[in-house]
Amino acid sequence: MASHSEVLHDSQGTEYLPEAWQEREQRNEFRHVTGIGELEDVTEVEYRKVRLERVVLAGVWSSAETSFAKAEESMRELAALAQTAGAQVLDGVLQQRAKLDSATYVGSGKAYELAGLVARLEADTIIVDDDLHPSQRRALEDVTKVKVVDRTAVILDIFAQHATSREGKAQIELAQLEYMLPRLRGWGGSLSRQAGGQAAGQAGGIGSRGPGETKIEMDRRVIRTRIAKLRRQIARMEPARNIKRGSRKRSDMPTVAVVGYTNAGKSSLTNRLTGSGELVENALFATLDTAVRRAETQDGRVYAYVDTVGFVRRLPTQLVEAFKSTLEEAGVADIIIHIVDGSHPDPFSQIDAVNAVLEDIPGVASIPRIVVFNKIDAVSDVVAERLHQLMPSAYLVSARTGEGLTELREAIESLLPVPDVHIDAVLPYTSGSLVSEIRERGRVMDVDYLDRGIHIQADVDNRLAARVVDQAVE
């Protein structure tokens, strides 16, 4: 064993301290993320009828920025993303580096080692747990001879597969085109980069222009034109969205915004709370379009749950802007329910990721918020107790078994805005629809059916109170 005063030498005679040598040895080997190749399918959808794309995951981490455990967790999330996109994950490798290699992301030596792994596993694609520069992607493809995509491309692909509404599809296409535009060179075999015969006699040098460049520039103009058209379309859709949101406000219907990390069980929990039958999949980003669901309190008042798109670490900036519409629902809600996957190895990192995005939405800071740990049936009593100790105000529930839902529902209803105008009036029997609305929107204390009409005592909002005054029997 070498002492701290001793030095070691590599084959070229370079001196290294033992600590530096150990770090170099760790850096020089790929570390496989265990269990990724044996992950269970997260969803069954139509595109699985065809042969699944076979992928290998690759990532780089720096001990100065994060720990291996966190890097490994990020890779597991990438594996779930890849499976949701319809891929078969064969293996995942992590490399420790002080900084990313500017040429091939992992370094030239590791790129060839990755090429050997891909060939051995007969993989079709490499997915990198980072945002790749176009030149890095091309260089890595040249070495490995397979398609290379980054994390953002996978997320965009999932959104494209799951969007259903006209606005959602337009927002996804816009995000994809904004992502593609700076990466256009080299996408697809049709984008030839060879220059024409007259290129040598033009300024700029051999290979700088010609049919290839003309084709790319043409594609860029088409994409920019399409981006401008999509932005105009989405802008025209905004008034309709605001009208729907405004109609809930005009009727003074309280709203509860359901937010949380993707696949935390937001839709499942909302279904249990409302009795709805919206889509529920054990898949990332199963909900992409805002879903509004009606619910009633114990005393008959009506309110709405607004299920929003799930969050994810390092959500592409194109999607944060594109899905601003669904996130805005949280800023105008009366209550925010933050759903967390209690069975996740690090649920508090997911909480931080969601909170970081919510901070950018105007009005959210002043809205009451309830944190809910879902999937509590999938954790041990020790883990459940730890979650309770770390966040005593949170609710521990299970959308699958119904555990803790009664207490959660009571907590939500206790925070709903209370009508503040007391009425004591007699309405004619012809005002039955108004009485029904008072039961839905207000808090009824007493109803008596008299000869001259319906005697009702209730707490209502200003709008209903004015209608009662107009229709009341003198």
Protein backbone atom coordinates (compact mmCIF):
# COMPACT_ATOMS: atom_id res chain seq x y z
CA MET A 1 0.00 0.00 0.00
CA ALA A 2 1.46 3.29 -1.06
CA SER A 3 1.71 6.00 1.58
CA HIS A 4 0.40 9.55 1.03
CA SER A 5 3.99 10.65 0.34
CA GLU A 6 4.43 8.06 -2.41
CA VAL A 7 3.52 8.55 -6.04
CA LEU A 8 2.38 6.12 -8.73
CA HIS A 9 3.29 6.13 -12.41
CA ASP A 10 1.25 5.17 -15.43
CA SER A 11 2.65 3.42 -18.52
CA GLN A 12 3.85 6.75 -19.95
CA GLY A 13 5.71 7.60 -16.74
CA THR A 14 3.24 10.30 -15.59
CA GLU A 15 3.16 10.72 -11.81
CA TYR A 16 -0.12 10.39 -9.86
CA LEU A 17 -0.95 10.55 -6.18
CA PRO A 18 -2.84 7.44 -5.01
CA GLU A 19 -6.13 9.40 -4.56
CA ALA A 20 -5.91 10.83 -8.07
CA TRP A 21 -5.05 7.37 -9.43
CA GLN A 22 -8.12 5.88 -7.74
CA GLU A 23 -10.35 8.62 -9.19
CA ARG A 24 -8.81 8.04 -12.62
CA GLU A 25 -9.49 4.30 -12.38
CA GLN A 26 -13.13 4.96 -11.47
CA ARG A 27 -13.45 7.40 -14.33
CA ASN A 28 -12.02 4.91 -16.78
CA GLU A 29 -14.77 2.34 -16.36
CA PHE A 30 -18.46 2.31 -17.15
CA ARG A 31 -20.69 1.54 -14.18
CA HIS A 32 -23.76 -0.46 -15.13
CA VAL A 33 -27.06 0.56 -13.56
CA THR A 34 -28.42 -2.68 -12.14
CA GLY A 35 -31.90 -3.89 -12.98
CA ILE A 36 -32.56 -1.55 -15.90
CA GLY A 37 -32.61 -4.35 -18.45
CA GLU A 38 -35.20 -6.24 -16.40
CA LEU A 39 -37.66 -3.39 -15.78
CA GLU A 40 -41.31 -4.34 -16.08
CA ASP A 41 -43.41 -2.77 -18.82
CA VAL A 42 -44.96 0.46 -17.59
CA THR A 43 -47.82 0.49 -20.10
CA GLU A 44 -49.51 -1.45 -22.87
CA VAL A 45 -50.48 0.66 -25.85
CA GLU A 46 -50.94 0.19 -29.58
CA TYR A 47 -47.40 0.95 -30.67
CA ARG A 48 -46.20 -2.09 -28.71
CA LYS A 49 -47.72 -4.32 -31.39
CA VAL A 50 -44.68 -3.61 -33.55
CA ARG A 51 -41.14 -4.63 -32.70
CA LEU A 52 -39.89 -2.54 -29.83
CA GLU A 53 -36.89 -0.30 -30.38
CA ARG A 54 -33.92 -1.76 -28.51
CA VAL A 55 -32.02 0.92 -26.59
CA VAL A 56 -28.96 1.35 -24.39
CA LEU A 57 -28.85 4.24 -21.93
CA ALA A 58 -25.71 6.27 -21.26
CA GLY A 59 -24.99 8.98 -18.74
CA VAL A 60 -22.14 11.02 -17.28
CA TRP A 61 -21.91 12.25 -13.71
CA SER A 62 -19.47 14.38 -11.78
CA SER A 63 -18.76 13.76 -8.09
CA ALA A 64 -18.41 17.53 -7.67
CA GLU A 65 -22.02 18.10 -8.81
CA THR A 66 -23.98 15.06 -7.66
CA SER A 67 -23.71 11.61 -6.10
CA PHE A 68 -23.68 8.28 -7.90
CA ALA A 69 -27.00 7.38 -6.22
CA LYS A 70 -28.71 10.46 -7.68
CA ALA A 71 -27.16 9.84 -11.09
CA GLU A 72 -28.39 6.26 -10.95
CA GLU A 73 -31.90 7.42 -10.00
CA SER A 74 -31.92 9.81 -12.96
CA MET A 75 -30.98 6.90 -15.22
CA ARG A 76 -33.83 4.81 -13.83
CA GLU A 77 -36.20 7.66 -14.62
CA LEU A 78 -34.77 7.80 -18.14
CA ALA A 79 -35.40 4.05 -18.44
CA ALA A 80 -39.06 4.59 -17.50
CA LEU A 81 -39.28 7.42 -20.03
CA ALA A 82 -37.79 5.18 -22.74
CA GLN A 83 -40.25 2.39 -21.97
CA THR A 84 -43.17 4.80 -22.04
CA ALA A 85 -41.96 5.94 -25.46
CA GLY A 86 -42.16 2.31 -26.63
CA ALA A 87 -38.57 1.12 -26.30
CA GLN A 88 -37.01 -2.00 -24.80
CA VAL A 89 -34.21 -0.99 -22.43
CA LEU A 90 -31.31 -3.44 -22.66
CA ASP A 91 -28.69 -1.82 -20.42
CA GLY A 92 -27.66 1.44 -18.83
CA VAL A 93 -24.12 2.67 -18.14
CA LEU A 94 -22.80 5.64 -16.18
CA GLN A 95 -19.36 7.22 -16.46
CA GLN A 96 -17.73 9.50 -13.91
CA ARG A 97 -16.06 12.52 -15.50
CA ALA A 98 -15.02 15.95 -14.25
CA LYS A 99 -16.83 17.49 -17.25
CA LEU A 100 -18.59 16.34 -20.41
CA ASP A 101 -16.45 15.60 -23.45
CA SER A 102 -17.13 18.36 -25.98
CA ALA A 103 -16.69 15.99 -28.92
CA THR A 104 -18.45 12.71 -28.10
CA TYR A 105 -20.04 13.41 -24.68
CA VAL A 106 -18.38 10.36 -23.07
CA GLY A 107 -14.89 10.67 -24.58
CA SER A 108 -13.47 8.92 -27.63
CA GLY A 109 -12.31 5.79 -25.81
CA LYS A 110 -15.61 5.32 -24.02
CA ALA A 111 -17.48 5.99 -27.28
CA TYR A 112 -15.77 2.95 -28.84
CA GLU A 113 -16.46 0.91 -25.71
CA LEU A 114 -20.12 1.96 -25.93
CA ALA A 115 -20.11 0.94 -29.60
CA GLY A 116 -18.97 -2.54 -28.57
CA LEU A 117 -21.75 -2.80 -25.98
CA VAL A 118 -24.35 -1.72 -28.54
CA ALA A 119 -23.08 -4.25 -31.09
CA ARG A 120 -23.03 -7.05 -28.52
CA LEU A 121 -26.62 -6.34 -27.40
CA GLU A 122 -27.80 -5.66 -30.99
CA ALA A 123 -29.28 -2.34 -29.91
CA ASP A 124 -30.85 0.13 -32.35
CA THR A 125 -30.49 3.34 -30.37
CA ILE A 126 -28.48 5.04 -27.63
CA ILE A 127 -30.38 7.38 -25.32
CA VAL A 128 -28.23 9.89 -23.44
CA ASP A 129 -29.33 11.19 -20.04
CA ASP A 130 -28.52 14.79 -20.98
CA ASP A 131 -29.12 17.42 -23.65
CA LEU A 132 -26.69 16.74 -26.46
CA HIS A 133 -25.14 19.37 -28.71
CA PRO A 134 -25.78 18.48 -32.38
CA SER A 135 -22.06 17.92 -32.98
CA GLN A 136 -21.85 15.54 -30.00
CA ARG A 137 -24.78 13.53 -31.31
CA ARG A 138 -23.29 13.25 -34.80
CA ALA A 139 -19.85 12.28 -33.46
CA LEU A 140 -21.32 9.61 -31.20
CA GLU A 141 -23.42 8.26 -34.08
CA ASP A 142 -20.33 8.10 -36.31
CA VAL A 143 -18.53 5.95 -33.73
CA THR A 144 -21.39 3.70 -32.59
CA LYS A 145 -23.14 3.38 -35.99
CA VAL A 146 -26.59 3.61 -34.39
CA LYS A 147 -29.09 6.40 -33.78
CA VAL A 148 -28.38 8.63 -30.77
CA VAL A 149 -31.09 10.69 -29.04
CA ASP A 150 -31.05 12.75 -25.87
CA ARG A 151 -33.41 13.02 -22.90
CA THR A 152 -35.36 15.95 -24.33
CA ALA A 153 -36.08 14.09 -27.57
CA VAL A 154 -37.54 11.17 -25.60
CA ILE A 155 -39.84 13.43 -23.56
CA LEU A 156 -41.02 15.22 -26.70
CA ASP A 157 -41.73 11.85 -28.32
CA ILE A 158 -43.88 10.76 -25.37
CA PHE A 159 -45.84 14.02 -25.44
CA ALA A 160 -46.42 13.60 -29.18
CA GLN A 161 -47.84 10.10 -28.65
CA HIS A 162 -50.16 11.07 -25.80
CA ALA A 163 -51.56 14.49 -26.72
CA THR A 164 -55.24 14.22 -27.70
CA SER A 165 -56.79 17.70 -27.87
CA ARG A 166 -56.32 20.07 -30.81
CA GLU A 167 -54.49 22.57 -28.62
CA GLY A 168 -52.32 19.89 -27.01
CA LYS A 169 -51.24 18.55 -30.42
CA ALA A 170 -50.42 22.05 -31.64
CA GLN A 171 -48.35 22.79 -28.53
CA ILE A 172 -46.42 19.53 -28.94
CA GLU A 173 -45.68 20.16 -32.60
CA LEU A 174 -44.46 23.65 -31.73
CA ALA A 175 -42.13 22.27 -29.03
CA GLN A 176 -40.77 19.61 -31.41
CA LEU A 177 -40.07 22.10 -34.18
CA GLU A 178 -38.34 24.52 -31.78
CA TYR A 179 -36.19 21.61 -30.58
CA MET A 180 -35.43 20.44 -34.14
CA LEU A 181 -34.56 23.80 -35.71
CA PRO A 182 -31.03 24.26 -34.23
CA ARG A 183 -30.36 20.53 -34.75
CA LEU A 184 -31.51 20.36 -38.35
CA ARG A 185 -28.13 19.64 -39.94
CA GLY A 186 -27.68 15.90 -40.22
CA TRP A 187 -31.25 14.86 -39.34
CA GLY A 188 -32.18 12.09 -41.76
CA GLY A 189 -30.48 10.78 -44.86
CA SER A 190 -32.32 13.26 -47.10
CA LEU A 191 -30.30 16.21 -45.76
CA SER A 192 -27.20 15.80 -47.92
CA ARG A 193 -24.18 17.81 -46.77
CA GLN A 194 -22.26 17.48 -50.05
CA ALA A 195 -21.65 20.66 -51.99
CA GLY A 196 -22.49 21.18 -55.65
CA GLY A 197 -19.99 21.30 -58.54
CA GLN A 198 -19.67 25.09 -58.45
CA ALA A 199 -19.00 25.27 -54.70
CA ALA A 200 -15.22 25.38 -55.08
CA GLY A 201 -15.41 28.62 -57.00
CA GLN A 202 -17.60 30.38 -54.43
CA ALA A 203 -16.63 32.17 -51.24
CA GLY A 204 -16.69 29.95 -48.18
CA GLY A 205 -14.63 26.98 -49.33
CA ILE A 206 -15.32 23.44 -50.49
CA GLY A 207 -18.41 21.83 -49.04
CA SER A 208 -19.87 25.02 -47.58
CA ARG A 209 -22.83 25.36 -49.98
CA GLY A 210 -24.52 23.52 -52.79
CA PRO A 211 -27.61 21.29 -52.83
CA GLY A 212 -27.08 20.07 -49.27
CA GLU A 213 -26.98 23.52 -47.72
CA THR A 214 -29.83 24.68 -49.96
CA LYS A 215 -31.97 21.77 -48.81
CA ILE A 216 -31.22 22.51 -45.14
CA GLU A 217 -31.96 26.21 -45.56
CA MET A 218 -35.20 25.33 -47.31
CA ASP A 219 -36.18 23.05 -44.43
CA ARG A 220 -35.32 25.81 -41.96
CA ARG A 221 -37.61 28.25 -43.77
CA VAL A 222 -40.43 25.70 -43.81
CA ILE A 223 -39.99 25.01 -40.09
CA ARG A 224 -39.87 28.72 -39.18
CA THR A 225 -43.04 29.33 -41.21
CA ARG A 226 -44.77 26.42 -39.49
CA ILE A 227 -43.65 27.64 -36.04
CA ALA A 228 -45.12 31.08 -36.72
CA LYS A 229 -48.39 29.51 -37.90
CA LEU A 230 -48.62 27.27 -34.81
CA ARG A 231 -48.01 30.22 -32.49
CA ARG A 232 -50.88 32.10 -34.15
CA GLN A 233 -53.15 29.05 -33.84
CA ILE A 234 -52.35 28.58 -30.14
CA ALA A 235 -52.89 32.29 -29.51
CA ARG A 236 -56.36 31.99 -31.09
CA MET A 237 -57.15 29.01 -28.85
CA GLU A 238 -56.36 30.93 -25.66
CA PRO A 239 -59.64 32.94 -25.56
CA ALA A 240 -61.68 29.71 -25.65
CA ARG A 241 -59.64 28.34 -22.76
CA ASN A 242 -60.11 31.54 -20.82
CA ILE A 243 -63.86 31.44 -21.47
CA LYS A 244 -64.09 27.96 -19.94
CA ARG A 245 -62.00 29.04 -16.98
CA GLY A 246 -64.03 32.23 -16.64
CA SER A 247 -67.33 30.36 -16.69
CA ARG A 248 -66.23 28.44 -13.60
CA LYS A 249 -65.28 31.70 -11.91
CA ARG A 250 -68.51 33.46 -12.87
CA SER A 251 -70.52 30.61 -11.39
CA ASP A 252 -68.28 30.86 -8.32
CA MET A 253 -67.42 27.19 -8.62
CA PRO A 254 -64.40 26.52 -6.37
CA THR A 255 -61.53 24.72 -8.09
CA VAL A 256 -58.86 22.37 -6.78
CA ALA A 257 -55.72 22.11 -8.94
CA VAL A 258 -54.06 18.68 -8.84
CA VAL A 259 -50.31 18.93 -9.49
CA GLY A 260 -47.40 16.57 -9.02
CA TYR A 261 -44.59 14.60 -10.57
CA THR A 262 -45.45 12.48 -13.58
CA ASN A 263 -46.80 9.01 -12.71
CA ALA A 264 -47.44 10.01 -9.07
CA GLY A 265 -51.05 8.88 -9.41
CA LYS A 266 -52.80 12.24 -9.91
CA SER A 267 -55.46 10.90 -12.26
CA SER A 268 -56.07 7.77 -10.17
CA LEU A 269 -56.47 9.79 -6.98
CA THR A 270 -58.73 12.35 -8.65
CA ASN A 271 -60.88 9.53 -10.00
CA ARG A 272 -61.30 8.11 -6.49
CA LEU A 273 -62.20 11.53 -5.09
CA THR A 274 -64.73 12.32 -7.85
CA GLY A 275 -65.94 8.93 -9.07
CA SER A 276 -64.70 9.83 -12.56
CA GLY A 277 -63.45 7.38 -15.15
CA GLU A 278 -60.73 9.38 -16.88
CA LEU A 279 -57.72 7.64 -18.44
CA VAL A 280 -55.45 6.00 -15.89
CA GLU A 281 -52.22 4.37 -17.09
CA ASN A 282 -49.14 3.26 -15.21
CA ALA A 283 -47.13 5.39 -17.60
CA LEU A 284 -45.26 8.65 -17.57
CA PHE A 285 -47.23 11.60 -18.96
CA ALA A 286 -50.48 9.67 -19.38
CA THR A 287 -52.29 12.97 -18.75
CA LEU A 288 -51.25 15.81 -21.05
CA ASP A 289 -54.45 17.83 -21.50
CA THR A 290 -56.17 19.59 -18.63
CA ALA A 291 -59.09 17.50 -17.32
CA VAL A 292 -61.81 19.16 -15.21
CA ARG A 293 -63.97 16.89 -13.03
CA ARG A 294 -66.99 17.73 -10.93
CA ALA A 295 -67.29 16.85 -7.23
CA GLU A 296 -69.69 17.56 -4.37
CA THR A 297 -69.09 18.34 -0.72
CA GLN A 298 -70.94 16.50 2.06
CA ASP A 299 -73.48 19.35 2.25
CA GLY A 300 -74.11 19.31 -1.52
CA ARG A 301 -71.90 22.17 -2.75
CA VAL A 302 -70.32 21.66 -6.17
CA TYR A 303 -66.61 22.19 -6.91
CA ALA A 304 -64.13 21.05 -9.56
CA TYR A 305 -60.85 19.17 -9.67
CA VAL A 306 -58.44 20.31 -12.40
CA ASP A 307 -55.94 17.57 -13.28
CA THR A 308 -52.77 19.05 -14.82
CA VAL A 309 -49.81 17.67 -16.77
CA GLY A 310 -47.17 15.92 -14.68
CA PHE A 311 -43.76 17.41 -13.95
CA VAL A 312 -40.38 15.81 -14.50
CA ARG A 313 -36.78 16.72 -13.70
CA ARG A 314 -35.15 18.82 -16.37
CA LEU A 315 -38.43 19.34 -18.23
CA PRO A 316 -37.47 20.71 -21.67
CA THR A 317 -37.74 24.48 -21.78
CA GLN A 318 -39.83 24.19 -24.95
CA LEU A 319 -42.45 22.22 -23.02
CA VAL A 320 -42.51 24.50 -19.99
CA GLU A 321 -43.60 27.34 -22.27
CA ALA A 322 -45.80 25.19 -24.49
CA PHE A 323 -47.74 23.81 -21.53
CA LYS A 324 -48.03 27.10 -19.72
CA SER A 325 -51.77 26.88 -20.41
CA THR A 326 -52.28 23.81 -18.26
CA LEU A 327 -49.98 25.07 -15.52
CA GLU A 328 -51.88 28.37 -15.36
CA GLU A 329 -54.82 26.47 -13.89
CA ALA A 330 -52.85 26.12 -10.67
CA GLY A 331 -52.45 29.89 -10.43
CA VAL A 332 -56.21 30.57 -10.42
CA ALA A 333 -57.30 27.63 -8.23
CA ASP A 334 -58.67 27.95 -4.70
CA ILE A 335 -56.62 24.99 -3.44
CA ILE A 336 -53.55 23.14 -4.79
CA ILE A 337 -53.14 19.43 -4.06
CA HIS A 338 -49.56 18.30 -4.58
CA ILE A 339 -49.55 14.52 -5.22
CA VAL A 340 -46.28 12.71 -4.47
CA ASP A 341 -45.36 9.08 -5.17
CA GLY A 342 -44.73 7.82 -1.65
CA SER A 343 -43.15 4.61 -2.98
CA HIS A 344 -40.46 6.50 -4.90
CA PRO A 345 -36.91 6.06 -3.51
CA ASP A 346 -36.48 9.84 -3.19
CA PRO A 347 -39.93 11.50 -3.06
CA PHE A 348 -38.58 14.76 -1.63
CA SER A 349 -36.47 15.36 -4.74
CA GLN A 350 -39.69 15.11 -6.75
CA ILE A 351 -41.34 17.61 -4.40
CA ASP A 352 -38.45 20.02 -4.99
CA ALA A 353 -38.73 19.58 -8.78
CA VAL A 354 -42.44 20.42 -8.75
CA ASN A 355 -42.04 23.36 -6.36
CA ALA A 356 -39.32 24.81 -8.59
CA VAL A 357 -41.76 24.96 -11.53
CA LEU A 358 -44.69 26.21 -9.43
CA GLU A 359 -42.61 29.15 -8.24
CA ASP A 360 -42.68 30.56 -11.78
CA ILE A 361 -46.49 30.58 -11.96
CA PRO A 362 -48.04 33.89 -10.84
CA GLY A 363 -50.41 33.70 -7.89
CA VAL A 364 -49.43 30.23 -6.68
CA ALA A 365 -47.59 31.37 -3.54
CA SER A 366 -50.80 32.68 -1.88
CA ILE A 367 -52.94 29.58 -2.58
CA PRO A 368 -53.44 26.97 0.20
CA ARG A 369 -51.50 23.79 -0.61
CA ILE A 370 -51.97 20.20 0.57
CA VAL A 371 -49.18 17.65 0.13
CA VAL A 372 -50.38 14.07 -0.38
CA PHE A 373 -48.15 10.98 -0.40
CA ASN A 374 -49.93 8.50 -2.69
CA LYS A 375 -49.25 4.75 -3.17
CA ILE A 376 -48.79 4.32 0.57
CA ASP A 377 -50.00 0.71 0.20
CA ALA A 378 -46.74 -0.02 -1.66
CA VAL A 379 -44.42 1.01 1.18
CA SER A 380 -43.52 -0.53 4.53
CA ASP A 381 -44.72 0.81 7.87
CA VAL A 382 -41.19 2.07 8.54
CA VAL A 383 -41.16 4.15 5.34
CA ALA A 384 -44.67 5.46 6.02
CA GLU A 385 -43.64 6.54 9.52
CA ARG A 386 -40.54 8.25 8.14
CA LEU A 387 -42.63 10.20 5.61
CA HIS A 388 -44.97 11.27 8.40
CA GLN A 389 -42.09 12.42 10.61
CA LEU A 390 -40.40 14.37 7.82
CA MET A 391 -43.66 16.05 6.71
CA PRO A 392 -46.28 15.80 9.49
CA SER A 393 -48.79 18.03 7.67
CA ALA A 394 -48.92 15.74 4.61
CA TYR A 395 -51.62 13.11 4.06
CA LEU A 396 -50.71 9.47 3.45
CA VAL A 397 -53.20 7.84 1.08
CA SER A 398 -53.65 5.07 -1.45
CA ALA A 399 -55.72 5.65 -4.58
CA ARG A 400 -55.75 1.88 -5.14
CA THR A 401 -57.09 0.79 -1.74
CA GLY A 402 -58.82 4.00 -0.65
CA GLU A 403 -56.74 4.32 2.52
CA GLY A 404 -56.71 7.87 3.93
CA LEU A 405 -59.11 9.29 1.30
CA THR A 406 -61.85 10.22 3.77
CA GLU A 407 -59.49 12.38 5.82
CA LEU A 408 -58.06 13.94 2.65
CA ARG A 409 -61.50 14.76 1.26
CA GLU A 410 -62.51 16.40 4.54
CA ALA A 411 -59.32 18.49 4.54
CA ILE A 412 -59.94 19.64 0.97
CA GLU A 413 -63.56 20.58 1.64
CA SER A 414 -62.61 22.47 4.80
CA LEU A 415 -60.36 24.76 2.72
CA LEU A 416 -62.93 25.52 0.00
CA PRO A 417 -64.12 29.15 0.01
CA VAL A 418 -67.27 29.59 2.10
CA PRO A 419 -70.21 31.68 0.74
CA ASP A 420 -70.38 34.80 2.91
CA VAL A 421 -73.84 36.27 2.27
CA HIS A 422 -76.67 34.97 4.49
CA ILE A 423 -80.15 34.86 2.95
CA ASP A 424 -83.51 34.28 4.65
CA ALA A 425 -86.20 34.54 1.99
CA VAL A 426 -89.32 32.98 0.51
CA LEU A 427 -89.05 32.07 -3.17
CA PRO A 428 -92.01 31.21 -5.41
CA TYR A 429 -92.41 27.59 -6.50
CA THR A 430 -91.59 28.74 -10.03
CA SER A 431 -88.02 29.44 -8.81
CA GLY A 432 -87.16 25.76 -8.41
CA SER A 433 -84.03 26.09 -10.59
CA LEU A 434 -82.73 28.89 -8.35
CA VAL A 435 -83.30 26.75 -5.25
CA SER A 436 -81.36 23.91 -6.91
CA GLU A 437 -78.49 26.28 -7.70
CA ILE A 438 -78.45 27.51 -4.09
CA ARG A 439 -78.12 23.88 -2.96
CA GLU A 440 -75.21 23.38 -5.36
CA ARG A 441 -73.34 26.63 -4.86
CA GLY A 442 -74.27 27.62 -1.33
CA ARG A 443 -74.58 26.21 2.17
CA VAL A 444 -78.22 25.52 3.05
CA MET A 445 -79.30 25.72 6.71
CA ASP A 446 -83.05 25.16 6.41
CA VAL A 447 -85.78 24.73 3.78
CA ASP A 448 -89.54 24.88 4.48
CA TYR A 449 -92.31 24.45 1.92
CA LEU A 450 -95.06 26.99 2.68
CA ASP A 451 -98.32 27.83 0.95
CA ARG A 452 -96.87 31.00 -0.56
CA GLY A 453 -93.51 29.51 -1.57
CA ILE A 454 -90.22 27.96 -0.47
CA HIS A 455 -88.71 29.43 2.68
CA ILE A 456 -84.94 29.01 2.48
CA GLN A 457 -82.09 30.01 4.77
CA ALA A 458 -78.58 29.66 3.35
CA ASP A 459 -75.17 31.20 2.88
CA VAL A 460 -74.52 32.12 -0.76
CA ASP A 461 -72.23 34.30 -2.85
CA ASN A 462 -73.05 37.84 -3.97
CA ARG A 463 -74.33 36.77 -7.39
CA LEU A 464 -76.86 34.28 -6.01
CA ALA A 465 -77.89 36.70 -3.27
CA ALA A 466 -78.80 39.30 -5.88
CA ARG A 467 -80.95 36.78 -7.78
CA VAL A 468 -82.71 35.78 -4.56
CA VAL A 469 -83.58 39.41 -3.83
CA ASP A 470 -84.99 39.81 -7.37
CA GLN A 471 -87.22 36.68 -7.14
CA ALA A 472 -88.19 36.68 -3.45
CA VAL A 473 -91.87 36.87 -2.46
CA GLU A 474 -92.69 40.05 -0.59
